[in-house]
Amino acid sequence: MQHSPSFDPSDVQTNKGMAILAYILFFVPLIAAPNSPFAKYHANQGLTLFLTCVALNIVLGFIPFLGWVLLPFANLGCFVLLIIGILSAAQGGAKPLPIIGKYTLIK
């Protein structure tokens, strides 16, 4: 069972907007708030989600018929994970995304 990391409440309050933005443009918090562990955590989650969705689209796009049928469901799953991440960041939480949240790409 993966637990949620804890962050300084002032960091969370200050960088909540950056954390939300991390799910849309993961690199912006890394530039705008490089010293915020909270923003960096969500930037990592956003990058992981982005790479997962790109990989799913490439792989399923190349598989005739079955891949093309599964592609909309994969994109729906990506969208659901995006909403989960944005809601978590907006609430000041740091709960890992289901399935893909355990991977750390940004140290």
C-alpha atoms as a PDB file:
ATOM      1  CA  MET A   1       0.000   0.000   0.000  1.00  0.00           C
ATOM      2  CA  GLN A   2       1.465   3.328  -1.084  1.00  0.00           C
ATOM      3  CA  HIS A   3       1.061   6.189   1.342  1.00  0.00           C
ATOM      4  CA  SER A   4       0.745   9.843   0.534  1.00  0.00           C
ATOM      5  CA  PRO A   5       3.818  11.956   1.206  1.00  0.00           C
ATOM      6  CA  SER A   6       3.390  14.890   3.575  1.00  0.00           C
ATOM      7  CA  PHE A   7       4.411  18.420   2.664  1.00  0.00           C
ATOM      8  CA  ASP A   8       4.851  21.721   4.465  1.00  0.00           C
ATOM      9  CA  PRO A   9       1.388  23.366   4.655  1.00  0.00           C
ATOM     10  CA  SER A  10       2.784  26.745   3.556  1.00  0.00           C
ATOM     11  CA  ASP A  11       4.395  25.108   0.492  1.00  0.00           C
ATOM     12  CA  VAL A  12       1.080  23.441  -0.334  1.00  0.00           C
ATOM     13  CA  GLN A  13      -0.871  26.706  -0.006  1.00  0.00           C
ATOM     14  CA  THR A  14       1.661  28.730  -1.999  1.00  0.00           C
ATOM     15  CA  ASN A  15       2.086  26.242  -4.844  1.00  0.00           C
ATOM     16  CA  LYS A  16      -1.377  24.722  -5.186  1.00  0.00           C
ATOM     17  CA  GLY A  17      -1.879  26.431  -8.553  1.00  0.00           C
ATOM     18  CA  MET A  18       1.449  25.113  -9.830  1.00  0.00           C
ATOM     19  CA  ALA A  19       0.507  21.618  -8.706  1.00  0.00           C
ATOM     20  CA  ILE A  20      -2.783  21.814 -10.638  1.00  0.00           C
ATOM     21  CA  LEU A  21      -0.978  23.152 -13.699  1.00  0.00           C
ATOM     22  CA  ALA A  22       1.459  20.219 -13.511  1.00  0.00           C
ATOM     23  CA  TYR A  23      -1.201  17.890 -14.903  1.00  0.00           C
ATOM     24  CA  ILE A  24      -1.656  20.048 -17.993  1.00  0.00           C
ATOM     25  CA  LEU A  25       1.932  21.237 -18.586  1.00  0.00           C
ATOM     26  CA  PHE A  26       4.172  19.206 -16.260  1.00  0.00           C
ATOM     27  CA  PHE A  27       7.304  21.292 -16.935  1.00  0.00           C
ATOM     28  CA  VAL A  28       5.879  24.678 -15.859  1.00  0.00           C
ATOM     29  CA  PRO A  29       6.063  23.974 -12.089  1.00  0.00           C
ATOM     30  CA  LEU A  30       9.629  22.763 -12.529  1.00  0.00           C
ATOM     31  CA  ILE A  31      10.535  26.181 -13.962  1.00  0.00           C
ATOM     32  CA  ALA A  32       8.230  28.433 -11.913  1.00  0.00           C
ATOM     33  CA  ALA A  33       8.525  26.676  -8.528  1.00  0.00           C
ATOM     34  CA  PRO A  34      11.765  24.639  -8.653  1.00  0.00           C
ATOM     35  CA  ASN A  35      12.179  24.579  -4.856  1.00  0.00           C
ATOM     36  CA  SER A  36       8.673  23.363  -4.044  1.00  0.00           C
ATOM     37  CA  PRO A  37       8.515  19.671  -3.140  1.00  0.00           C
ATOM     38  CA  PHE A  38       4.712  19.798  -3.487  1.00  0.00           C
ATOM     39  CA  ALA A  39       4.798  21.224  -7.019  1.00  0.00           C
ATOM     40  CA  LYS A  40       7.616  18.839  -7.955  1.00  0.00           C
ATOM     41  CA  TYR A  41       5.613  15.849  -6.699  1.00  0.00           C
ATOM     42  CA  HIS A  42       2.657  16.790  -8.888  1.00  0.00           C
ATOM     43  CA  ALA A  43       4.962  17.593 -11.830  1.00  0.00           C
ATOM     44  CA  ASN A  44       6.255  14.028 -11.528  1.00  0.00           C
ATOM     45  CA  GLN A  45       2.712  12.683 -11.489  1.00  0.00           C
ATOM     46  CA  GLY A  46       1.835  14.844 -14.504  1.00  0.00           C
ATOM     47  CA  LEU A  47       4.916  13.689 -16.440  1.00  0.00           C
ATOM     48  CA  THR A  48       4.170  10.044 -15.654  1.00  0.00           C
ATOM     49  CA  LEU A  49       0.579  10.495 -16.824  1.00  0.00           C
ATOM     50  CA  PHE A  50       1.681  12.286 -19.999  1.00  0.00           C
ATOM     51  CA  LEU A  51       4.203   9.579 -20.945  1.00  0.00           C
ATOM     52  CA  THR A  52       1.711   6.813 -20.179  1.00  0.00           C
ATOM     53  CA  CYS A  53      -0.965   8.406 -22.372  1.00  0.00           C
ATOM     54  CA  VAL A  54       1.463   9.026 -25.232  1.00  0.00           C
ATOM     55  CA  ALA A  55       2.704   5.426 -25.057  1.00  0.00           C
ATOM     56  CA  LEU A  56      -0.842   4.049 -24.993  1.00  0.00           C
ATOM     57  CA  ASN A  57      -1.831   6.156 -28.005  1.00  0.00           C
ATOM     58  CA  ILE A  58       1.223   5.095 -30.005  1.00  0.00           C
ATOM     59  CA  VAL A  59       0.918   1.387 -29.204  1.00  0.00           C
ATOM     60  CA  LEU A  60      -2.854   1.124 -29.588  1.00  0.00           C
ATOM     61  CA  GLY A  61      -2.754   3.286 -32.717  1.00  0.00           C
ATOM     62  CA  PHE A  62      -0.524   0.747 -34.447  1.00  0.00           C
ATOM     63  CA  ILE A  63      -2.637  -2.295 -33.561  1.00  0.00           C
ATOM     64  CA  PRO A  64      -5.305  -2.736 -36.243  1.00  0.00           C
ATOM     65  CA  PHE A  65      -8.934  -3.102 -35.162  1.00  0.00           C
ATOM     66  CA  LEU A  66      -8.489  -4.184 -31.511  1.00  0.00           C
ATOM     67  CA  GLY A  67      -6.129  -1.307 -30.751  1.00  0.00           C
ATOM     68  CA  TRP A  68      -8.419   1.150 -32.501  1.00  0.00           C
ATOM     69  CA  VAL A  69     -11.365  -0.118 -30.456  1.00  0.00           C
ATOM     70  CA  LEU A  70      -9.413   0.122 -27.173  1.00  0.00           C
ATOM     71  CA  LEU A  71      -7.925   3.554 -27.885  1.00  0.00           C
ATOM     72  CA  PRO A  72     -10.983   5.603 -26.815  1.00  0.00           C
ATOM     73  CA  PHE A  73     -11.152   3.663 -23.535  1.00  0.00           C
ATOM     74  CA  ALA A  74      -7.448   4.263 -22.904  1.00  0.00           C
ATOM     75  CA  ASN A  75      -7.944   7.976 -23.544  1.00  0.00           C
ATOM     76  CA  LEU A  76     -10.940   8.015 -21.221  1.00  0.00           C
ATOM     77  CA  GLY A  77      -8.758   6.366 -18.557  1.00  0.00           C
ATOM     78  CA  CYS A  78      -6.099   9.042 -19.100  1.00  0.00           C
ATOM     79  CA  PHE A  79      -8.733  11.743 -18.727  1.00  0.00           C
ATOM     80  CA  VAL A  80     -10.035  10.187 -15.491  1.00  0.00           C
ATOM     81  CA  LEU A  81      -6.486  10.060 -14.078  1.00  0.00           C
ATOM     82  CA  LEU A  82      -6.014  13.705 -15.101  1.00  0.00           C
ATOM     83  CA  ILE A  83      -9.143  14.709 -13.174  1.00  0.00           C
ATOM     84  CA  ILE A  84      -8.073  12.670 -10.131  1.00  0.00           C
ATOM     85  CA  GLY A  85      -4.674  14.369 -10.136  1.00  0.00           C
ATOM     86  CA  ILE A  86      -6.090  17.867 -10.541  1.00  0.00           C
ATOM     87  CA  LEU A  87      -8.605  17.302  -7.738  1.00  0.00           C
ATOM     88  CA  SER A  88      -5.895  15.936  -5.445  1.00  0.00           C
ATOM     89  CA  ALA A  89      -3.670  18.956  -6.113  1.00  0.00           C
ATOM     90  CA  ALA A  90      -6.575  21.403  -5.694  1.00  0.00           C
ATOM     91  CA  GLN A  91      -7.376  19.897  -2.297  1.00  0.00           C
ATOM     92  CA  GLY A  92      -3.739  20.168  -1.230  1.00  0.00           C
ATOM     93  CA  GLY A  93      -3.318  16.405  -1.262  1.00  0.00           C
ATOM     94  CA  ALA A  94      -0.556  14.249  -2.625  1.00  0.00           C
ATOM     95  CA  LYS A  95      -2.206  10.921  -3.234  1.00  0.00           C
ATOM     96  CA  PRO A  96      -0.435   8.891  -5.954  1.00  0.00           C
ATOM     97  CA  LEU A  97      -2.447   8.348  -9.121  1.00  0.00           C
ATOM     98  CA  PRO A  98      -3.937   4.851  -9.406  1.00  0.00           C
ATOM     99  CA  ILE A  99      -1.789   2.326 -11.313  1.00  0.00           C
ATOM    100  CA  ILE A 100       0.918   4.754 -12.491  1.00  0.00           C
ATOM    101  CA  GLY A 101       1.474   6.955  -9.423  1.00  0.00           C
ATOM    102  CA  LYS A 102       4.153   4.813  -7.837  1.00  0.00           C
ATOM    103  CA  TYR A 103       6.786   5.714 -10.449  1.00  0.00           C
ATOM    104  CA  THR A 104       9.193   8.563  -9.785  1.00  0.00           C
ATOM    105  CA  LEU A 105      10.698  10.128 -12.880  1.00  0.00           C
ATOM    106  CA  ILE A 106      11.604  13.523 -11.393  1.00  0.00           C
ATOM    107  CA  LYS A 107      13.855  13.422  -8.339  1.00  0.00           C
END
